[in-house]
Protein backbone atom coordinates (compact mmCIF):
# COMPACT_ATOMS: atom_id res chain seq x y z
CA MET A 1 9.87 16.66 -39.51
CA GLU A 2 8.75 14.86 -36.33
CA TYR A 3 5.09 14.74 -37.41
CA LYS A 4 6.07 13.28 -40.80
CA LEU A 5 8.12 10.63 -39.04
CA ILE A 6 5.18 9.70 -36.84
CA LEU A 7 2.95 9.34 -39.91
CA ALA A 8 5.53 7.10 -41.60
CA TYR A 9 6.06 4.87 -38.56
CA SER A 10 2.54 4.66 -37.09
CA ARG A 11 1.45 1.58 -38.99
CA LEU A 12 1.90 -2.16 -38.79
CA LEU A 13 4.15 -2.13 -41.86
CA PRO A 14 6.14 1.10 -41.42
CA GLN A 15 7.46 2.99 -44.38
CA ARG A 16 11.20 3.24 -44.70
CA PRO A 17 11.37 7.00 -45.28
CA ALA A 18 14.18 9.04 -46.72
CA TYR A 19 15.07 10.34 -43.27
CA ASN A 20 17.87 7.79 -43.01
CA ARG A 21 19.55 9.93 -45.69
CA ARG A 22 18.58 13.26 -44.18
CA GLU A 23 22.18 14.54 -44.20
CA ALA A 24 22.24 14.25 -47.98
CA SER A 25 18.69 15.53 -48.41
CA GLY A 26 19.21 18.61 -46.26
CA ASP A 27 16.43 17.78 -43.78
CA PRO A 28 16.84 19.37 -40.34
CA PRO A 29 17.91 17.21 -37.38
CA ILE A 30 15.20 15.23 -35.62
CA ASP A 31 14.06 16.67 -32.30
CA TRP A 32 13.73 13.33 -30.46
CA PRO A 33 12.10 14.71 -27.26
CA ARG A 34 9.46 16.44 -29.39
CA LEU A 35 8.88 13.27 -31.42
CA LEU A 36 8.21 11.34 -28.20
CA ARG A 37 5.88 14.07 -26.93
CA LEU A 38 3.89 14.04 -30.17
CA ALA A 39 3.73 10.24 -30.27
CA GLY A 40 2.53 10.18 -26.66
CA ARG A 41 -0.15 12.81 -27.25
CA HIS A 42 -1.47 10.92 -30.24
CA GLY A 43 -1.48 7.52 -28.49
CA LEU A 44 1.17 6.14 -30.83
CA LEU A 45 4.07 5.19 -28.57
CA PRO A 46 3.41 1.41 -28.83
CA LEU A 47 3.28 1.48 -32.63
CA MET A 48 6.33 3.75 -32.81
CA THR A 49 8.26 1.38 -30.53
CA ARG A 50 7.51 -1.58 -32.77
CA SER A 51 8.18 0.32 -36.01
CA LEU A 52 11.50 1.75 -34.86
CA GLY A 53 12.55 -1.77 -33.94
CA LEU A 54 11.74 -2.92 -37.50
CA CYS A 55 13.14 0.14 -39.29
CA PRO A 56 15.65 1.99 -37.12
CA ILE A 57 16.47 5.55 -38.09
CA ALA A 58 20.10 6.40 -38.66
CA GLY A 59 21.44 8.44 -35.79
CA GLN A 60 18.64 7.67 -33.34
CA PRO A 61 19.70 7.89 -29.66
CA ARG A 62 21.22 4.71 -28.25
CA ASP A 63 18.88 4.71 -25.29
CA LEU A 64 15.75 5.33 -27.41
CA GLU A 65 14.54 1.73 -27.29
CA LYS A 66 14.83 1.62 -23.50
CA THR A 67 13.11 5.00 -23.16
CA LEU A 68 10.23 3.83 -25.31
CA ALA A 69 9.96 0.51 -23.49
CA ASP A 70 9.74 2.31 -20.15
CA LYS A 71 6.98 4.55 -21.48
CA VAL A 72 5.00 1.71 -23.06
CA LYS A 73 5.16 -0.82 -20.22
CA PRO A 74 2.52 0.80 -17.94
CA GLY A 75 0.12 1.02 -20.88
CA LEU A 76 0.51 -2.69 -21.60
CA GLY A 77 -0.44 -3.56 -18.03
CA ARG A 78 -3.47 -1.25 -18.23
CA ALA A 79 -4.58 -2.84 -21.51
CA ILE A 80 -4.33 -6.36 -20.07
CA ARG A 81 -6.37 -5.36 -17.01
CA HIS A 82 -9.09 -3.83 -19.15
CA ALA A 83 -9.18 -6.88 -21.44
CA ALA A 84 -9.72 -9.19 -18.48
CA GLU A 85 -12.42 -6.90 -17.09
CA LEU A 86 -14.14 -6.67 -20.46
CA ILE A 87 -14.52 -10.45 -20.55
CA ARG A 88 -15.67 -10.59 -16.92
CA VAL A 89 -18.19 -7.73 -17.08
CA ALA A 90 -19.65 -8.51 -20.52
CA GLY A 91 -20.06 -12.15 -19.49
CA ALA A 92 -21.78 -11.20 -16.24
CA LEU A 93 -24.23 -8.88 -18.00
CA GLU A 94 -25.05 -11.46 -20.68
CA THR A 95 -25.56 -14.14 -18.02
CA ALA A 96 -27.94 -11.80 -16.21
CA GLY A 97 -29.99 -11.35 -19.37
CA VAL A 98 -28.66 -7.94 -20.44
CA PRO A 99 -27.36 -8.11 -24.03
CA VAL A 100 -24.35 -5.87 -24.62
CA LEU A 101 -22.21 -4.61 -27.48
CA SER A 102 -18.47 -4.14 -27.07
CA LEU A 103 -16.92 -1.44 -29.24
CA LYS A 104 -13.50 0.21 -29.33
CA GLY A 105 -11.11 -0.53 -26.45
CA PRO A 106 -9.41 -3.94 -26.01
CA LEU A 107 -11.53 -5.72 -28.62
CA GLU A 108 -10.48 -3.33 -31.38
CA ALA A 109 -6.83 -3.35 -30.27
CA VAL A 110 -6.65 -7.10 -30.86
CA ARG A 111 -8.86 -7.14 -33.94
CA ILE A 112 -7.02 -4.34 -35.76
CA TYR A 113 -3.42 -4.82 -34.65
CA GLY A 114 -3.36 -8.47 -33.54
CA ASP A 115 -1.67 -7.45 -30.28
CA ILE A 116 -3.37 -5.74 -27.36
CA GLY A 117 -0.10 -4.00 -26.51
CA LEU A 118 0.04 -2.03 -29.78
CA ARG A 119 -2.85 0.28 -28.98
CA PRO A 120 -3.45 2.27 -25.78
CA VAL A 121 -6.58 1.23 -23.89
CA ARG A 122 -8.07 3.85 -21.60
CA ASP A 123 -11.39 2.23 -20.75
CA ILE A 124 -14.08 -0.28 -21.67
CA ASP A 125 -17.06 0.79 -23.79
CA LEU A 126 -20.22 -1.29 -23.37
CA TYR A 127 -23.49 -0.49 -25.13
CA VAL A 128 -26.92 -1.60 -23.91
CA ARG A 129 -30.52 -0.88 -24.77
CA PRO A 130 -31.98 2.17 -22.98
CA ALA A 131 -34.50 -0.07 -21.23
CA ASP A 132 -31.63 -2.18 -19.84
CA ALA A 133 -29.38 0.71 -18.77
CA GLY A 134 -30.70 0.98 -15.21
CA ARG A 135 -30.35 -2.73 -14.59
CA ALA A 136 -26.90 -2.77 -16.19
CA GLY A 137 -25.84 0.04 -13.84
CA ARG A 138 -26.97 -1.95 -10.82
CA LEU A 139 -25.14 -5.04 -12.07
CA LEU A 140 -22.00 -2.97 -12.52
CA GLY A 141 -22.32 -1.90 -8.89
CA GLY A 142 -22.30 -5.56 -7.88
CA LEU A 143 -19.16 -6.07 -9.96
CA GLY A 144 -17.26 -3.38 -8.09
CA TYR A 145 -17.91 -0.38 -10.35
CA ARG A 146 -18.96 2.98 -8.98
CA PRO A 147 -20.40 5.86 -11.02
CA LEU A 148 -18.22 8.93 -11.47
CA VAL A 149 -21.25 11.18 -12.03
CA PRO A 150 -24.01 10.05 -9.64
CA GLU A 151 -26.51 12.53 -11.09
CA ILE A 152 -26.34 10.81 -14.47
CA ALA A 153 -26.07 7.30 -13.04
CA ALA A 154 -29.40 7.87 -11.28
CA ARG A 155 -31.05 8.45 -14.67
CA LEU A 156 -29.48 5.76 -16.83
CA GLY A 157 -31.18 5.23 -20.16
CA ARG A 158 -32.87 8.63 -20.38
CA ALA A 159 -32.96 9.62 -24.04
CA TRP A 160 -32.24 13.27 -23.37
CA ILE A 161 -29.07 12.83 -21.33
CA ALA A 162 -26.10 13.76 -23.50
CA PRO A 163 -23.98 12.10 -24.64
CA GLY A 164 -26.01 8.98 -23.79
CA GLN A 165 -23.44 7.42 -21.48
CA ALA A 166 -22.32 7.21 -17.86
CA PRO A 167 -18.71 6.70 -16.68
CA PHE A 168 -17.85 4.11 -14.02
CA ARG A 169 -14.63 3.13 -12.29
CA ASN A 170 -13.48 0.05 -10.43
CA ALA A 171 -10.84 1.23 -7.97
CA SER A 172 -9.69 -2.24 -6.93
CA ALA A 173 -9.20 -3.40 -10.53
CA ALA A 174 -7.88 0.03 -11.63
CA THR A 175 -10.19 0.00 -14.65
CA ALA A 176 -12.63 2.49 -16.17
CA LEU A 177 -15.86 1.70 -18.01
CA ASP A 178 -18.33 3.78 -20.00
CA LEU A 179 -21.88 2.46 -20.15
CA HIS A 180 -23.64 3.71 -23.29
CA TRP A 181 -27.29 3.56 -24.28
CA ARG A 182 -26.91 5.52 -27.54
CA LEU A 183 -24.47 4.80 -30.36
CA ALA A 184 -23.57 8.41 -31.12
CA GLU A 185 -24.40 11.95 -30.14
CA THR A 186 -26.24 12.81 -33.34
CA SER A 187 -29.83 13.61 -34.18
CA ARG A 188 -29.97 10.52 -36.41
CA PRO A 189 -27.78 7.85 -34.86
CA LEU A 190 -26.58 5.01 -37.02
CA PHE A 191 -29.08 2.69 -35.33
CA ASP A 192 -31.18 2.97 -32.25
CA MET A 193 -29.78 0.63 -29.63
CA ASP A 194 -32.61 -1.90 -29.92
CA ARG A 195 -31.83 -2.26 -33.61
CA ALA A 196 -28.07 -2.37 -32.97
CA ILE A 197 -28.47 -5.15 -30.40
CA SER A 198 -30.59 -7.17 -32.83
CA LEU A 199 -27.86 -6.89 -35.51
CA ARG A 200 -24.88 -7.73 -33.31
CA THR A 201 -22.38 -10.37 -34.35
CA GLU A 202 -20.03 -12.56 -32.32
CA ARG A 203 -16.27 -12.16 -32.20
CA SER A 204 -13.67 -14.33 -30.53
CA PHE A 205 -11.58 -12.45 -27.98
CA GLU A 206 -8.92 -14.10 -25.81
CA GLY A 207 -10.90 -17.34 -25.65
CA ALA A 208 -14.23 -15.60 -24.94
CA ARG A 209 -17.11 -14.68 -27.23
CA LEU A 210 -18.05 -11.01 -27.36
CA HIS A 211 -20.66 -9.19 -29.39
CA THR A 212 -20.05 -6.21 -31.63
CA LEU A 213 -21.57 -4.42 -34.62
CA PRO A 214 -21.48 -5.82 -38.16
CA ASP A 215 -18.41 -4.76 -40.14
CA GLU A 216 -20.01 -1.86 -42.02
CA ALA A 217 -21.67 -0.34 -38.96
CA ARG A 218 -18.52 -0.84 -36.87
CA PHE A 219 -16.38 1.00 -39.45
CA LEU A 220 -18.80 3.90 -39.67
CA HIS A 221 -19.10 4.07 -35.89
CA LEU A 222 -15.31 4.40 -35.57
CA CYS A 223 -15.35 7.16 -38.20
CA GLN A 224 -18.10 8.95 -36.26
CA HIS A 225 -16.14 8.65 -33.03
CA GLY A 226 -12.95 10.13 -34.47
CA SER A 227 -14.84 12.92 -36.22
CA SER A 228 -16.72 13.81 -33.04
CA HIS A 229 -13.33 14.44 -31.38
CA GLY A 230 -11.92 16.35 -34.34
CA TRP A 231 -9.38 13.55 -34.98
CA SER A 232 -7.30 15.13 -32.22
CA ARG A 233 -5.45 11.81 -31.67
CA LEU A 234 -3.83 10.07 -34.63
CA ILE A 235 -4.40 6.62 -33.14
CA TRP A 236 -8.07 6.86 -34.14
CA LEU A 237 -7.04 7.56 -37.72
CA CYS A 238 -4.49 4.73 -37.61
CA ASP A 239 -7.35 2.40 -36.65
CA ILE A 240 -9.27 3.46 -39.76
CA ALA A 241 -6.21 3.11 -41.99
CA GLU A 242 -5.38 -0.39 -40.74
CA ILE A 243 -8.99 -1.53 -41.18
CA LEU A 244 -8.85 -0.28 -44.77
CA ARG A 245 -5.54 -2.07 -45.35
CA ASN A 246 -6.92 -5.29 -43.87
CA GLY A 247 -10.02 -5.09 -46.07
CA ASP A 248 -12.09 -5.42 -42.91
CA THR A 249 -14.66 -2.76 -43.78
CA GLY A 250 -17.36 -5.01 -45.16
CA ASP A 251 -19.44 -3.71 -48.07
CA ALA A 252 -18.22 -0.18 -48.85
CA GLY A 253 -21.42 0.66 -50.70
CA ARG A 254 -23.46 -0.22 -47.65
CA ILE A 255 -21.17 1.92 -45.48
CA ARG A 256 -21.93 4.92 -47.65
CA SER A 257 -25.67 4.17 -47.58
CA LEU A 258 -25.61 3.96 -43.78
CA ALA A 259 -23.67 7.23 -43.62
CA ARG A 260 -26.25 8.98 -45.77
CA ALA A 261 -29.15 7.60 -43.75
CA SER A 262 -27.59 8.79 -40.48
CA GLY A 263 -26.47 12.18 -41.78
CA GLN A 264 -22.78 11.26 -41.39
CA GLU A 265 -21.52 11.06 -44.97
CA ARG A 266 -19.34 14.15 -44.59
CA GLY A 267 -17.69 12.68 -41.50
CA LEU A 268 -17.12 9.38 -43.33
CA LEU A 269 -15.52 11.11 -46.32
CA LEU A 270 -13.32 13.23 -44.06
CA ALA A 271 -12.05 10.08 -42.30
CA CYS A 272 -11.32 8.38 -45.64
CA HIS A 273 -9.60 11.49 -47.00
CA LEU A 274 -7.34 11.74 -43.94
CA ALA A 275 -6.52 8.01 -43.93
CA ALA A 276 -5.64 8.07 -47.63
CA THR A 277 -3.61 11.29 -47.66
CA LEU A 278 -1.80 11.03 -44.32
CA LEU A 279 -1.39 7.26 -43.93
CA ASP A 280 -1.59 5.99 -47.54
CA ALA A 281 -4.60 3.78 -46.80
CA PRO A 282 -6.18 2.15 -49.87
CA LEU A 283 -9.84 3.05 -50.36
CA PRO A 284 -12.53 0.74 -51.76
CA ALA A 285 -13.88 1.99 -55.08
CA ALA A 286 -17.26 2.95 -53.61
CA LEU A 287 -15.56 5.29 -51.14
CA ALA A 288 -12.78 6.54 -53.43
CA ASP A 289 -15.36 7.55 -56.06
CA ALA A 290 -17.24 9.56 -53.43
CA LEU A 291 -14.17 11.69 -52.66
CA GLN A 292 -14.83 14.33 -55.28
CA PRO A 293 -12.98 17.64 -54.97
CA ASP A 294 -14.54 19.30 -51.92
CA GLY A 295 -12.96 22.45 -50.57
CA GLY A 296 -14.69 21.97 -47.23
CA ILE A 297 -13.26 18.51 -46.58
CA GLY A 298 -9.83 19.53 -47.82
CA ASP A 299 -9.80 22.64 -45.63
CA MET A 300 -10.89 20.68 -42.56
CA ALA A 301 -8.22 18.03 -43.23
CA ARG A 302 -5.55 20.72 -43.38
CA ARG A 303 -6.74 22.22 -40.09
CA ILE A 304 -6.66 18.80 -38.42
CA THR A 305 -3.16 18.15 -39.78
CA ARG A 306 -1.97 21.54 -38.56
CA ASP A 307 -3.42 20.94 -35.09
CA GLY A 308 -1.92 17.46 -34.98
CA ASP A 309 1.59 18.84 -35.46
CA ARG A 310 1.42 20.79 -32.21
CA ASP A 311 3.07 19.66 -29.02
CA ALA A 312 -0.19 20.04 -27.11
CA ALA A 313 -3.86 20.05 -27.97
CA PRO A 314 -4.73 23.41 -29.59
CA ASP A 315 -7.48 24.22 -27.08
CA ARG A 316 -8.07 23.57 -23.42
CA PRO A 317 -11.30 21.54 -23.40
CA ASP A 318 -12.70 23.40 -20.41
CA THR A 319 -12.65 26.84 -22.03
CA LEU A 320 -15.73 28.37 -23.60
CA ALA A 321 -13.89 29.01 -26.87
CA ALA A 322 -12.78 25.37 -27.07
CA ARG A 323 -16.29 24.10 -26.47
CA TYR A 324 -17.76 26.31 -29.16
CA ARG A 325 -15.00 25.40 -31.57
CA SER A 326 -15.66 21.72 -30.99
CA LEU A 327 -19.40 22.20 -31.39
CA ARG A 328 -18.98 24.17 -34.63
CA ARG A 329 -16.83 21.38 -36.05
CA GLN A 330 -19.38 18.76 -35.07
CA LEU A 331 -22.18 20.83 -36.62
CA TRP A 332 -20.16 21.15 -39.83
CA LEU A 333 -19.80 17.37 -40.00
CA GLN A 334 -23.57 16.84 -39.91
CA ASP A 335 -25.33 16.47 -43.27
CA GLY A 336 -28.19 18.93 -43.57
CA VAL A 337 -29.94 21.48 -41.40
CA SER A 338 -32.15 18.97 -39.58
CA ALA A 339 -29.15 16.89 -38.47
CA ARG A 340 -27.36 20.01 -37.23
CA ALA A 341 -30.43 21.25 -35.38
CA GLY A 342 -30.86 17.84 -33.78
CA LEU A 343 -27.26 17.75 -32.58
CA LEU A 344 -27.56 21.26 -31.17
CA TRP A 345 -30.76 20.25 -29.36
CA ARG A 346 -29.09 17.20 -27.83
CA ARG A 347 -26.09 19.20 -26.68
CA LEU A 348 -28.06 22.03 -25.09
CA LEU A 349 -31.17 20.28 -23.75
CA PRO A 350 -29.50 18.38 -20.87
CA ALA A 351 -28.37 21.62 -19.28
CA ALA A 352 -31.98 22.70 -19.07
CA ARG A 353 -33.49 19.39 -18.04
CA ASP A 354 -31.00 17.63 -15.83
CA LEU A 355 -27.66 19.09 -14.90
CA ALA A 356 -28.69 22.11 -12.86
CA GLY A 357 -31.19 20.53 -10.49
CA LYS A 358 -31.68 23.76 -8.52
CA GLY A 359 -34.86 25.14 -9.98
CA PRO A 360 -35.88 25.99 -13.53
CA GLN A 361 -35.07 29.71 -13.63
CA PRO A 362 -31.23 29.82 -13.82
CA VAL A 363 -30.96 27.11 -16.44
CA PRO A 364 -33.02 28.55 -19.31
CA VAL A 365 -31.15 31.85 -18.92
CA ALA A 366 -27.78 30.11 -19.15
CA LEU A 367 -29.06 28.04 -22.05
CA LEU A 368 -30.26 31.15 -23.87
CA ARG A 369 -26.89 32.84 -23.39
CA ARG A 370 -25.07 29.81 -24.80
CA MET A 371 -27.34 29.73 -27.85
CA ILE A 372 -26.89 33.46 -28.49
CA ARG A 373 -23.11 33.17 -28.21
CA LEU A 374 -23.09 30.17 -30.50
CA LEU A 375 -25.26 31.87 -33.10
CA ALA A 376 -23.10 35.00 -32.88
CA LEU A 377 -20.07 32.98 -33.97
CA PRO A 378 -20.13 32.68 -37.78
CA LEU A 379 -20.48 29.10 -38.96
CA ARG A 380 -18.06 29.21 -41.87
CA ARG A 381 -17.84 26.47 -44.41
CA THR A 382 -15.06 24.97 -42.34
CA PRO A 383 -15.03 25.97 -38.65
C-alpha cells in the first residue's frame, strides 16, 4: 500500500489514486510512519510533500504537513548551499583554464523539476579530462576542499583507479564534491572525457552558465548511473520519468545507438521499462519499440520493485555478499562478454595496483580469492 502511494505521488503531476476511497475498496489502512520511512529512503520526501499538498489523502494525519516540512527543510538548505558552491567552483575552474562538465546534483534538480527544493542534493559532481584532474584537485584545495581519500587524491586522473573519481569536502561550506575523470565505471564508457568535454553544451543555472552533456548523452548517463546502483533509490527513476514526460531526451534513436556503442543497451531498456511500468512515463517510439518481451529485464524489474518496497536497503553495502550481489547485477547489465570482462577488470585491478600499498604479495592473493569467490557464484540470467 505505502509503496504504491509513493509511486502515485512521486511526480510533478501526482495521480489522484483510489486510496481516497479505500474504505469502500477494502484497502488496508495506510501505515503513515512506514510511508515516511520509505519516502525518506528513496529521496522522495520533497516530492511527496508537494504532491500531498496538491492531492491530500482522505484521513491523513493532521500534523502530516508539518512533519514533512520539518523533514524537508534541512535538505532545502543543503541544496541551496551546493548550488551556490557549484557556481563558484565551476566558475573558478573554468577561469583557471580547466573545462568542466556538471552532471546530476543541483543542475538536474532545477532542470528536471524547476525547483531546487524538490530533489535532494547530496553533493556536486564535476567531470574533467584525466590530464586536468591533478590541476583541478589542486585548485579545489585552494577553494577550501580537502580530499576524503588522500591515497586516491594523490593519483588523480589515473585511468586504472576505480571508479574514476575522488571525493572532496569543504567543512566551512558544509558541502561535498566528487571530482570525476571518467564518465562511468564500464569497459566502454559512453565517451572518453576528452570527447565529452568537446561535446559539452551550455545551460543557464541561477544566472550562471554551466556546461553539461548533450541531451541524448545526458539521458543515457543518468540511466547508467541508476542502473549501476541497482535503482535502489526511486528518485533516480523519477528523474528519468520526468525527463521522458518533458520530452527532454533529445533524439531517442541516437540514445539507443549510443547505448549499443557503449554496451549499455540493457541498462537503458531496464530504466525505460521501470519508468513506464512504475511511473507511467511515456516512451518515444524508438525506445518503446525496443522493449520487446525480455524475461531478463522483466525479472530484474520485479526484483528492483520488491527491494524498493522494503523499509531498509536489502543489503548492507559493506558485506561481502552485498558487494558480490551488486557486482553480479552490474555484470548482467553489460552487453556482451567483452563489456563484462572489462568491468570486472576495472573493479578488481585497483586493489592490486593501488589500494594496498604495502608490497605486492598480499594483494594478488586477495585479488585471486575475490575472483574465485565471484566465479563460484552462479551468474544467472538475472542476478
